[in-house]
Amino acid sequence: MHISYKPLWHTLIERNMRKEDLRLAAGLTTNMIANMGKEGKHISMDTLARICETLDCGIMDVIELVSDKPSTTGGNDNGKTERKNHRERH
């Protein structure tokens, strides 16, 4: 399993925000933003919490766990249904 920041990039698109807008609003460094774009690089829970607070969203709108193994269920939505349901609840 590894962490993916795809939900964050989708959240930014939905809010018509750029990565630079998030960086400035949440007080992030350019290295933090760059690390989120690299597989295997992670940011701290404090930084994740700051992003959630800045965007007024839940952690599932920022990160998701992705299996390193191919799915055996035949589906390939990578948690999109769960994220969609999470957003509808909040």
N, C-alpha and C. Protein backbone atom coordinates (compact mmCIF):
# COMPACT_ATOMS: atom_id res chain seq x y z
N MET A 1 0.85 -1.19 0.00
CA MET A 1 0.00 0.00 0.00
C MET A 1 0.89 1.24 0.00
N HIS A 2 0.41 2.26 -0.66
CA HIS A 2 1.10 3.53 -0.60
C HIS A 2 0.07 4.66 -0.59
N ILE A 3 0.52 5.82 -0.20
CA ILE A 3 -0.36 6.99 -0.12
C ILE A 3 -0.37 7.71 -1.46
N SER A 4 -1.55 8.05 -1.90
CA SER A 4 -1.72 8.84 -3.11
C SER A 4 -2.38 10.17 -2.74
N TYR A 5 -1.93 11.23 -3.38
CA TYR A 5 -2.50 12.55 -3.15
C TYR A 5 -3.47 12.94 -4.26
N LYS A 6 -3.87 11.96 -5.09
CA LYS A 6 -4.81 12.25 -6.17
C LYS A 6 -6.09 12.92 -5.67
N PRO A 7 -6.64 12.49 -4.52
CA PRO A 7 -7.85 13.18 -4.06
C PRO A 7 -7.62 14.67 -3.82
N LEU A 8 -6.43 15.04 -3.35
CA LEU A 8 -6.13 16.46 -3.14
C LEU A 8 -6.15 17.21 -4.46
N TRP A 9 -5.51 16.64 -5.48
CA TRP A 9 -5.47 17.34 -6.76
C TRP A 9 -6.89 17.49 -7.33
N HIS A 10 -7.74 16.47 -7.13
CA HIS A 10 -9.13 16.58 -7.58
C HIS A 10 -9.89 17.64 -6.77
N THR A 11 -9.62 17.69 -5.46
CA THR A 11 -10.27 18.70 -4.61
C THR A 11 -9.87 20.10 -5.06
N LEU A 12 -8.61 20.30 -5.38
CA LEU A 12 -8.16 21.61 -5.85
C LEU A 12 -8.84 21.98 -7.16
N ILE A 13 -8.96 21.02 -8.08
CA ILE A 13 -9.64 21.28 -9.35
C ILE A 13 -11.10 21.67 -9.11
N GLU A 14 -11.78 20.93 -8.22
CA GLU A 14 -13.18 21.23 -7.91
C GLU A 14 -13.35 22.63 -7.35
N ARG A 15 -12.33 23.11 -6.65
CA ARG A 15 -12.40 24.44 -6.02
C ARG A 15 -11.72 25.51 -6.86
N ASN A 16 -11.33 25.15 -8.07
CA ASN A 16 -10.68 26.09 -8.98
C ASN A 16 -9.43 26.71 -8.34
N MET A 17 -8.65 25.87 -7.66
CA MET A 17 -7.43 26.32 -6.99
C MET A 17 -6.21 25.69 -7.66
N ARG A 18 -5.12 26.41 -7.61
CA ARG A 18 -3.84 25.88 -8.09
C ARG A 18 -3.05 25.38 -6.88
N LYS A 19 -2.03 24.58 -7.14
CA LYS A 19 -1.16 24.13 -6.05
C LYS A 19 -0.53 25.32 -5.34
N GLU A 20 -0.19 26.34 -6.10
CA GLU A 20 0.40 27.55 -5.52
C GLU A 20 -0.59 28.25 -4.58
N ASP A 21 -1.87 28.26 -4.94
CA ASP A 21 -2.89 28.84 -4.07
C ASP A 21 -2.94 28.10 -2.73
N LEU A 22 -2.91 26.77 -2.80
CA LEU A 22 -2.91 25.95 -1.59
C LEU A 22 -1.65 26.22 -0.78
N ARG A 23 -0.50 26.26 -1.46
CA ARG A 23 0.77 26.49 -0.77
C ARG A 23 0.73 27.78 0.04
N LEU A 24 0.26 28.84 -0.57
CA LEU A 24 0.20 30.13 0.12
C LEU A 24 -0.84 30.14 1.24
N ALA A 25 -2.02 29.58 0.97
CA ALA A 25 -3.10 29.60 1.96
C ALA A 25 -2.78 28.76 3.19
N ALA A 26 -2.09 27.62 2.98
CA ALA A 26 -1.81 26.71 4.09
C ALA A 26 -0.41 26.92 4.67
N GLY A 27 0.36 27.82 4.09
CA GLY A 27 1.71 28.07 4.59
C GLY A 27 2.65 26.90 4.35
N LEU A 28 2.52 26.26 3.18
CA LEU A 28 3.36 25.12 2.84
C LEU A 28 4.60 25.59 2.09
N THR A 29 5.62 24.75 2.10
CA THR A 29 6.81 25.06 1.31
C THR A 29 6.68 24.45 -0.07
N THR A 30 7.48 24.95 -0.99
CA THR A 30 7.46 24.37 -2.34
C THR A 30 7.92 22.92 -2.30
N ASN A 31 8.82 22.58 -1.37
CA ASN A 31 9.27 21.19 -1.24
C ASN A 31 8.13 20.28 -0.81
N MET A 32 7.26 20.75 0.08
CA MET A 32 6.13 19.93 0.52
C MET A 32 5.22 19.62 -0.67
N ILE A 33 4.93 20.63 -1.47
CA ILE A 33 4.08 20.43 -2.64
C ILE A 33 4.77 19.48 -3.62
N ALA A 34 6.06 19.67 -3.83
CA ALA A 34 6.81 18.80 -4.75
C ALA A 34 6.81 17.36 -4.26
N ASN A 35 6.98 17.15 -2.95
CA ASN A 35 7.00 15.80 -2.40
C ASN A 35 5.68 15.08 -2.60
N MET A 36 4.58 15.82 -2.56
CA MET A 36 3.27 15.20 -2.77
C MET A 36 3.11 14.72 -4.20
N GLY A 37 3.89 15.26 -5.11
CA GLY A 37 3.83 14.84 -6.50
C GLY A 37 4.73 13.67 -6.82
N LYS A 38 5.55 13.25 -5.85
CA LYS A 38 6.50 12.16 -6.07
C LYS A 38 6.04 10.92 -5.31
N GLU A 39 5.98 9.80 -6.01
CA GLU A 39 5.60 8.55 -5.36
C GLU A 39 6.66 8.16 -4.35
N GLY A 40 6.23 7.78 -3.18
CA GLY A 40 7.16 7.36 -2.14
C GLY A 40 7.58 8.49 -1.21
N LYS A 41 7.24 9.72 -1.55
CA LYS A 41 7.55 10.86 -0.68
C LYS A 41 6.29 11.22 0.10
N HIS A 42 6.45 11.46 1.37
CA HIS A 42 5.28 11.73 2.21
C HIS A 42 5.47 13.02 3.00
N ILE A 43 4.37 13.56 3.43
CA ILE A 43 4.39 14.75 4.27
C ILE A 43 3.85 14.37 5.64
N SER A 44 4.05 15.22 6.62
CA SER A 44 3.67 14.90 8.00
C SER A 44 2.16 14.99 8.19
N MET A 45 1.70 14.35 9.26
CA MET A 45 0.28 14.42 9.62
C MET A 45 -0.10 15.86 9.98
N ASP A 46 0.81 16.60 10.58
CA ASP A 46 0.54 18.01 10.88
C ASP A 46 0.26 18.79 9.60
N THR A 47 1.04 18.51 8.57
CA THR A 47 0.84 19.20 7.29
C THR A 47 -0.49 18.77 6.66
N LEU A 48 -0.81 17.48 6.73
CA LEU A 48 -2.11 17.02 6.22
C LEU A 48 -3.25 17.70 6.96
N ALA A 49 -3.13 17.82 8.27
CA ALA A 49 -4.17 18.47 9.06
C ALA A 49 -4.31 19.94 8.66
N ARG A 50 -3.18 20.59 8.40
CA ARG A 50 -3.21 22.00 7.99
C ARG A 50 -3.90 22.15 6.63
N ILE A 51 -3.64 21.21 5.72
CA ILE A 51 -4.30 21.24 4.41
C ILE A 51 -5.81 21.05 4.58
N CYS A 52 -6.21 20.08 5.40
CA CYS A 52 -7.64 19.83 5.64
C CYS A 52 -8.31 21.06 6.25
N GLU A 53 -7.63 21.69 7.19
CA GLU A 53 -8.19 22.88 7.84
C GLU A 53 -8.31 24.02 6.82
N THR A 54 -7.29 24.21 6.01
CA THR A 54 -7.31 25.28 5.02
C THR A 54 -8.43 25.08 4.00
N LEU A 55 -8.60 23.83 3.56
CA LEU A 55 -9.62 23.54 2.55
C LEU A 55 -10.98 23.22 3.16
N ASP A 56 -11.05 23.16 4.49
CA ASP A 56 -12.28 22.79 5.19
C ASP A 56 -12.84 21.49 4.63
N CYS A 57 -11.99 20.46 4.66
CA CYS A 57 -12.38 19.17 4.11
C CYS A 57 -11.85 18.05 4.99
N GLY A 58 -12.24 16.83 4.69
CA GLY A 58 -11.79 15.67 5.43
C GLY A 58 -10.54 15.07 4.80
N ILE A 59 -9.89 14.20 5.55
CA ILE A 59 -8.65 13.58 5.10
C ILE A 59 -8.84 12.78 3.81
N MET A 60 -10.02 12.20 3.62
CA MET A 60 -10.29 11.41 2.40
C MET A 60 -10.38 12.31 1.16
N ASP A 61 -10.49 13.62 1.36
CA ASP A 61 -10.47 14.56 0.24
C ASP A 61 -9.05 14.95 -0.11
N VAL A 62 -8.08 14.46 0.67
CA VAL A 62 -6.67 14.83 0.48
C VAL A 62 -5.81 13.62 0.10
N ILE A 63 -6.01 12.50 0.79
CA ILE A 63 -5.20 11.31 0.51
C ILE A 63 -6.07 10.07 0.38
N GLU A 64 -5.47 9.04 -0.21
CA GLU A 64 -6.09 7.73 -0.26
C GLU A 64 -4.99 6.69 -0.21
N LEU A 65 -5.32 5.53 0.31
CA LEU A 65 -4.39 4.41 0.29
C LEU A 65 -4.64 3.61 -0.98
N VAL A 66 -3.57 3.32 -1.69
CA VAL A 66 -3.67 2.60 -2.95
C VAL A 66 -2.85 1.32 -2.83
N SER A 67 -3.44 0.23 -3.20
CA SER A 67 -2.75 -1.06 -3.14
C SER A 67 -1.65 -1.12 -4.20
N ASP A 68 -0.54 -1.71 -3.83
CA ASP A 68 0.54 -1.91 -4.78
C ASP A 68 0.28 -3.13 -5.66
N LYS A 69 -0.71 -3.93 -5.29
CA LYS A 69 -1.06 -5.12 -6.05
C LYS A 69 -2.23 -4.80 -6.97
N PRO A 70 -2.28 -5.42 -8.14
CA PRO A 70 -3.44 -5.24 -9.01
C PRO A 70 -4.71 -5.72 -8.32
N SER A 71 -5.80 -5.05 -8.56
CA SER A 71 -7.08 -5.42 -7.96
C SER A 71 -7.55 -6.77 -8.47
N THR A 72 -8.05 -7.61 -7.56
CA THR A 72 -8.58 -8.91 -7.96
C THR A 72 -10.10 -8.88 -8.08
N THR A 73 -10.71 -7.73 -7.79
CA THR A 73 -12.17 -7.64 -7.85
C THR A 73 -12.66 -7.29 -9.23
N GLY A 74 -11.75 -6.91 -10.13
CA GLY A 74 -12.18 -6.56 -11.47
C GLY A 74 -12.46 -5.09 -11.62
N GLY A 75 -12.73 -4.38 -10.53
CA GLY A 75 -12.99 -2.95 -10.59
C GLY A 75 -11.69 -2.19 -10.45
N ASN A 76 -11.69 -0.97 -10.95
CA ASN A 76 -10.48 -0.15 -10.85
C ASN A 76 -10.86 1.29 -10.56
N ASP A 77 -11.70 1.50 -9.54
CA ASP A 77 -12.09 2.87 -9.25
C ASP A 77 -11.19 3.51 -8.21
N ASN A 78 -10.20 2.73 -7.69
CA ASN A 78 -9.21 3.25 -6.75
C ASN A 78 -9.82 4.10 -5.63
N GLY A 79 -10.95 3.67 -5.10
CA GLY A 79 -11.55 4.38 -3.97
C GLY A 79 -12.41 5.56 -4.35
N LYS A 80 -12.65 5.77 -5.65
CA LYS A 80 -13.42 6.94 -6.07
C LYS A 80 -14.84 6.90 -5.52
N THR A 81 -15.45 5.72 -5.49
CA THR A 81 -16.80 5.61 -4.97
C THR A 81 -16.83 5.97 -3.49
N GLU A 82 -15.85 5.48 -2.74
CA GLU A 82 -15.79 5.79 -1.31
C GLU A 82 -15.61 7.28 -1.09
N ARG A 83 -14.73 7.92 -1.89
CA ARG A 83 -14.51 9.37 -1.75
C ARG A 83 -15.77 10.13 -2.08
N LYS A 84 -16.45 9.73 -3.17
CA LYS A 84 -17.68 10.41 -3.57
C LYS A 84 -18.71 10.30 -2.45
N ASN A 85 -18.86 9.11 -1.89
CA ASN A 85 -19.82 8.94 -0.80
C ASN A 85 -19.40 9.75 0.42
N HIS A 86 -18.11 9.84 0.69
CA HIS A 86 -17.62 10.63 1.82
C HIS A 86 -17.99 12.10 1.63
N ARG A 87 -17.79 12.63 0.42
CA ARG A 87 -18.11 14.04 0.15
C ARG A 87 -19.59 14.31 0.29
N GLU A 88 -20.43 13.34 -0.17
CA GLU A 88 -21.87 13.53 -0.09
C GLU A 88 -22.35 13.58 1.35
N ARG A 89 -21.63 12.89 2.25
CA ARG A 89 -22.03 12.89 3.66
C ARG A 89 -21.65 14.19 4.35
N HIS A 90 -20.64 14.91 3.80
CA HIS A 90 -20.15 16.13 4.49
C HIS A 90 -20.53 17.36 3.79
